[in-house]
N, C-alpha and C. Protein backbone atom coordinates (compact mmCIF):
# COMPACT_ATOMS: atom_id res chain seq x y z
N MET A 1 83.87 118.46 85.87
CA MET A 1 85.22 118.19 86.34
C MET A 1 86.20 118.94 85.43
N SER A 2 87.14 119.65 86.04
CA SER A 2 88.11 120.40 85.25
C SER A 2 89.10 119.45 84.58
N LYS A 3 89.84 120.01 83.63
CA LYS A 3 90.83 119.21 82.91
C LYS A 3 91.92 118.71 83.85
N GLN A 4 92.34 119.55 84.79
CA GLN A 4 93.38 119.15 85.75
C GLN A 4 92.87 118.06 86.69
N GLU A 5 91.63 118.16 87.14
CA GLU A 5 91.06 117.13 88.01
C GLU A 5 90.89 115.81 87.27
N GLU A 6 90.49 115.87 86.00
CA GLU A 6 90.34 114.65 85.19
C GLU A 6 91.70 113.97 84.99
N TYR A 7 92.73 114.77 84.72
CA TYR A 7 94.08 114.23 84.56
C TYR A 7 94.53 113.53 85.84
N TRP A 8 94.34 114.19 86.97
CA TRP A 8 94.76 113.63 88.25
C TRP A 8 93.96 112.37 88.58
N HIS A 9 92.66 112.39 88.31
CA HIS A 9 91.81 111.23 88.58
C HIS A 9 92.26 110.03 87.76
N ARG A 10 92.56 110.25 86.48
CA ARG A 10 92.99 109.13 85.63
C ARG A 10 94.38 108.64 86.03
N ASN A 11 95.26 109.54 86.48
CA ASN A 11 96.58 109.14 86.96
C ASN A 11 96.44 108.27 88.20
N LEU A 12 95.64 108.69 89.15
CA LEU A 12 95.45 107.90 90.37
C LEU A 12 94.80 106.55 90.08
N ARG A 13 93.85 106.53 89.17
CA ARG A 13 93.20 105.27 88.81
C ARG A 13 94.22 104.29 88.21
N LEU A 14 95.12 104.82 87.39
CA LEU A 14 96.18 103.99 86.81
C LEU A 14 97.12 103.47 87.89
N VAL A 15 97.55 104.35 88.79
CA VAL A 15 98.48 103.96 89.86
C VAL A 15 97.86 102.89 90.75
N PHE A 16 96.62 103.10 91.18
CA PHE A 16 95.99 102.13 92.07
C PHE A 16 95.72 100.81 91.36
N GLY A 17 95.38 100.85 90.08
CA GLY A 17 95.20 99.62 89.32
C GLY A 17 96.48 98.82 89.20
N LEU A 18 97.58 99.51 88.92
CA LEU A 18 98.87 98.82 88.80
C LEU A 18 99.36 98.31 90.15
N LEU A 19 99.13 99.07 91.21
CA LEU A 19 99.50 98.58 92.55
C LEU A 19 98.68 97.35 92.93
N PHE A 20 97.42 97.33 92.52
CA PHE A 20 96.59 96.16 92.80
C PHE A 20 97.14 94.93 92.07
N ILE A 21 97.52 95.11 90.82
CA ILE A 21 98.09 93.98 90.06
C ILE A 21 99.37 93.49 90.70
N TRP A 22 100.26 94.41 91.08
CA TRP A 22 101.51 94.03 91.71
C TRP A 22 101.26 93.32 93.04
N GLY A 23 100.32 93.82 93.83
CA GLY A 23 99.98 93.18 95.09
C GLY A 23 99.39 91.80 94.89
N ALA A 24 98.53 91.66 93.87
CA ALA A 24 97.93 90.36 93.60
C ALA A 24 98.98 89.34 93.19
N VAL A 25 99.94 89.76 92.40
CA VAL A 25 100.99 88.83 91.96
C VAL A 25 101.94 88.51 93.11
N SER A 26 102.43 89.55 93.79
CA SER A 26 103.45 89.29 94.82
C SER A 26 102.85 88.67 96.08
N PHE A 27 101.77 89.22 96.58
CA PHE A 27 101.18 88.70 97.81
C PHE A 27 100.28 87.50 97.53
N GLY A 28 99.45 87.63 96.50
CA GLY A 28 98.51 86.56 96.19
C GLY A 28 99.19 85.29 95.72
N CYS A 29 99.98 85.40 94.65
CA CYS A 29 100.63 84.21 94.08
C CYS A 29 101.82 83.75 94.91
N GLY A 30 102.55 84.68 95.50
CA GLY A 30 103.75 84.31 96.24
C GLY A 30 103.49 83.83 97.64
N ILE A 31 102.39 84.25 98.26
CA ILE A 31 102.13 83.90 99.66
C ILE A 31 100.83 83.12 99.83
N LEU A 32 99.72 83.69 99.37
CA LEU A 32 98.42 83.06 99.61
C LEU A 32 98.19 81.79 98.79
N LEU A 33 98.59 81.81 97.53
CA LEU A 33 98.31 80.67 96.65
C LEU A 33 99.51 79.76 96.43
N HIS A 34 100.58 79.94 97.19
CA HIS A 34 101.80 79.18 96.90
C HIS A 34 101.61 77.68 97.09
N HIS A 35 100.75 77.26 98.02
CA HIS A 35 100.53 75.81 98.20
C HIS A 35 99.90 75.20 96.95
N TYR A 36 98.96 75.92 96.35
CA TYR A 36 98.34 75.43 95.11
C TYR A 36 99.32 75.49 93.95
N LEU A 37 100.05 76.62 93.84
CA LEU A 37 100.98 76.79 92.72
C LEU A 37 102.19 75.87 92.82
N ASP A 38 102.53 75.40 94.03
CA ASP A 38 103.68 74.52 94.18
C ASP A 38 103.45 73.14 93.54
N ASN A 39 102.24 72.85 93.12
CA ASN A 39 101.97 71.59 92.42
C ASN A 39 102.48 71.63 90.98
N TYR A 40 102.86 72.81 90.50
CA TYR A 40 103.29 72.98 89.12
C TYR A 40 104.72 73.51 89.10
N THR A 41 105.41 73.24 88.00
CA THR A 41 106.75 73.80 87.79
C THR A 41 106.78 74.45 86.42
N LEU A 42 107.71 75.39 86.25
CA LEU A 42 107.92 76.00 84.94
C LEU A 42 108.64 75.00 84.05
N PRO A 43 108.38 75.02 82.76
CA PRO A 43 109.09 74.10 81.85
C PRO A 43 110.60 74.30 81.94
N GLY A 44 111.32 73.22 82.09
CA GLY A 44 112.77 73.27 82.16
C GLY A 44 113.31 73.68 83.52
N SER A 45 112.45 73.72 84.53
CA SER A 45 112.87 74.15 85.86
C SER A 45 112.46 73.10 86.88
N HIS A 46 113.19 73.03 87.97
CA HIS A 46 112.83 72.11 89.04
C HIS A 46 112.19 72.84 90.21
N PHE A 47 112.06 74.16 90.09
CA PHE A 47 111.50 74.95 91.18
C PHE A 47 109.98 75.00 91.08
N PRO A 48 109.28 74.89 92.19
CA PRO A 48 107.83 75.00 92.17
C PRO A 48 107.39 76.40 91.73
N LEU A 49 106.24 76.48 91.11
CA LEU A 49 105.74 77.75 90.58
C LEU A 49 105.49 78.77 91.69
N GLY A 50 105.03 78.36 92.85
CA GLY A 50 104.82 79.27 93.96
C GLY A 50 106.12 79.91 94.42
N PHE A 51 107.18 79.12 94.49
CA PHE A 51 108.49 79.64 94.84
C PHE A 51 108.97 80.63 93.78
N TRP A 52 108.75 80.32 92.51
CA TRP A 52 109.16 81.20 91.43
C TRP A 52 108.46 82.55 91.54
N PHE A 53 107.15 82.55 91.79
CA PHE A 53 106.43 83.81 91.93
C PHE A 53 106.93 84.61 93.13
N ALA A 54 107.24 83.93 94.21
CA ALA A 54 107.72 84.64 95.40
C ALA A 54 109.10 85.25 95.16
N GLN A 55 109.94 84.58 94.39
CA GLN A 55 111.31 85.04 94.20
C GLN A 55 111.50 85.90 92.96
N GLN A 56 110.92 85.50 91.85
CA GLN A 56 111.18 86.18 90.58
C GLN A 56 109.95 86.88 90.00
N GLY A 57 108.81 86.25 90.12
CA GLY A 57 107.61 86.75 89.46
C GLY A 57 107.20 88.14 89.89
N SER A 58 107.28 88.43 91.17
CA SER A 58 106.86 89.75 91.63
C SER A 58 107.84 90.83 91.16
N MET A 59 109.12 90.51 91.10
CA MET A 59 110.10 91.50 90.61
C MET A 59 109.93 91.76 89.12
N LEU A 60 109.73 90.70 88.35
CA LEU A 60 109.53 90.87 86.91
C LEU A 60 108.23 91.61 86.62
N THR A 61 107.21 91.31 87.40
CA THR A 61 105.94 92.02 87.25
C THR A 61 106.12 93.50 87.55
N PHE A 62 106.89 93.83 88.58
CA PHE A 62 107.15 95.22 88.93
C PHE A 62 107.88 95.94 87.78
N ILE A 63 108.85 95.30 87.17
CA ILE A 63 109.58 95.91 86.06
C ILE A 63 108.65 96.17 84.89
N VAL A 64 107.79 95.22 84.57
CA VAL A 64 106.82 95.40 83.48
C VAL A 64 105.87 96.55 83.83
N ILE A 65 105.44 96.63 85.08
CA ILE A 65 104.53 97.69 85.50
C ILE A 65 105.19 99.06 85.37
N VAL A 66 106.48 99.18 85.72
CA VAL A 66 107.18 100.46 85.60
C VAL A 66 107.21 100.93 84.15
N PHE A 67 107.54 100.03 83.23
CA PHE A 67 107.58 100.41 81.82
C PHE A 67 106.17 100.71 81.29
N PHE A 68 105.18 99.93 81.70
CA PHE A 68 103.81 100.19 81.27
C PHE A 68 103.33 101.55 81.79
N TYR A 69 103.65 101.86 83.05
CA TYR A 69 103.25 103.15 83.61
C TYR A 69 103.88 104.31 82.85
N ALA A 70 105.16 104.21 82.52
CA ALA A 70 105.83 105.28 81.78
C ALA A 70 105.19 105.45 80.40
N TRP A 71 104.92 104.35 79.72
CA TRP A 71 104.30 104.41 78.39
C TRP A 71 102.90 105.01 78.47
N ARG A 72 102.12 104.54 79.46
CA ARG A 72 100.73 105.03 79.58
C ARG A 72 100.69 106.50 80.00
N MET A 73 101.58 106.91 80.90
CA MET A 73 101.59 108.31 81.32
C MET A 73 102.05 109.23 80.19
N ASN A 74 102.94 108.78 79.32
CA ASN A 74 103.31 109.58 78.15
C ASN A 74 102.10 109.82 77.26
N LYS A 75 101.29 108.77 77.07
CA LYS A 75 100.07 108.93 76.28
C LYS A 75 99.09 109.87 76.97
N LEU A 76 98.94 109.73 78.29
CA LEU A 76 98.03 110.59 79.05
C LEU A 76 98.52 112.03 79.05
N ASP A 77 99.82 112.24 79.20
CA ASP A 77 100.39 113.59 79.14
C ASP A 77 100.12 114.22 77.78
N HIS A 78 100.28 113.45 76.72
CA HIS A 78 100.03 113.97 75.38
C HIS A 78 98.55 114.31 75.20
N GLU A 79 97.69 113.47 75.74
CA GLU A 79 96.24 113.70 75.62
C GLU A 79 95.82 114.99 76.33
N PHE A 80 96.45 115.30 77.45
CA PHE A 80 96.08 116.50 78.23
C PHE A 80 97.05 117.66 77.97
N ASP A 81 97.92 117.55 77.00
CA ASP A 81 98.88 118.61 76.64
C ASP A 81 99.74 119.04 77.82
N VAL A 82 100.29 118.10 78.56
CA VAL A 82 101.19 118.42 79.68
C VAL A 82 102.51 117.67 79.54
N GLU A 83 102.83 117.24 78.30
CA GLU A 83 104.08 116.49 78.13
C GLU A 83 105.28 117.40 78.28
N GLU A 84 106.39 116.80 78.63
CA GLU A 84 107.63 117.53 78.81
C GLU A 84 108.21 117.93 77.46
N GLU A 85 108.89 119.06 77.43
CA GLU A 85 109.52 119.50 76.19
C GLU A 85 110.77 118.67 75.93
N GLN A 86 110.97 118.31 74.66
CA GLN A 86 112.16 117.56 74.25
C GLN A 86 113.26 118.54 73.89
N SER A 87 114.49 118.30 74.36
CA SER A 87 115.60 119.20 74.00
C SER A 87 116.45 118.62 72.92
């Protein structure tokens, strides 16, 4: 496998892994498991946990994923010598 193919393969593996996590949190916790999660509440809150995941959890997870992706891709770019030049 060439260096370019390896870089692309690892990039796609990262993207699909992060999309799976986001889907599991937003669809899984917010829709499929909300009846189970509604039995619990966050400390100091009156909202059920399933409602929280549907409204806030998926958005916060997405924000964390964006920052993680940027950090991980910077490391991957450095590893394959394709990082952007700093001005």
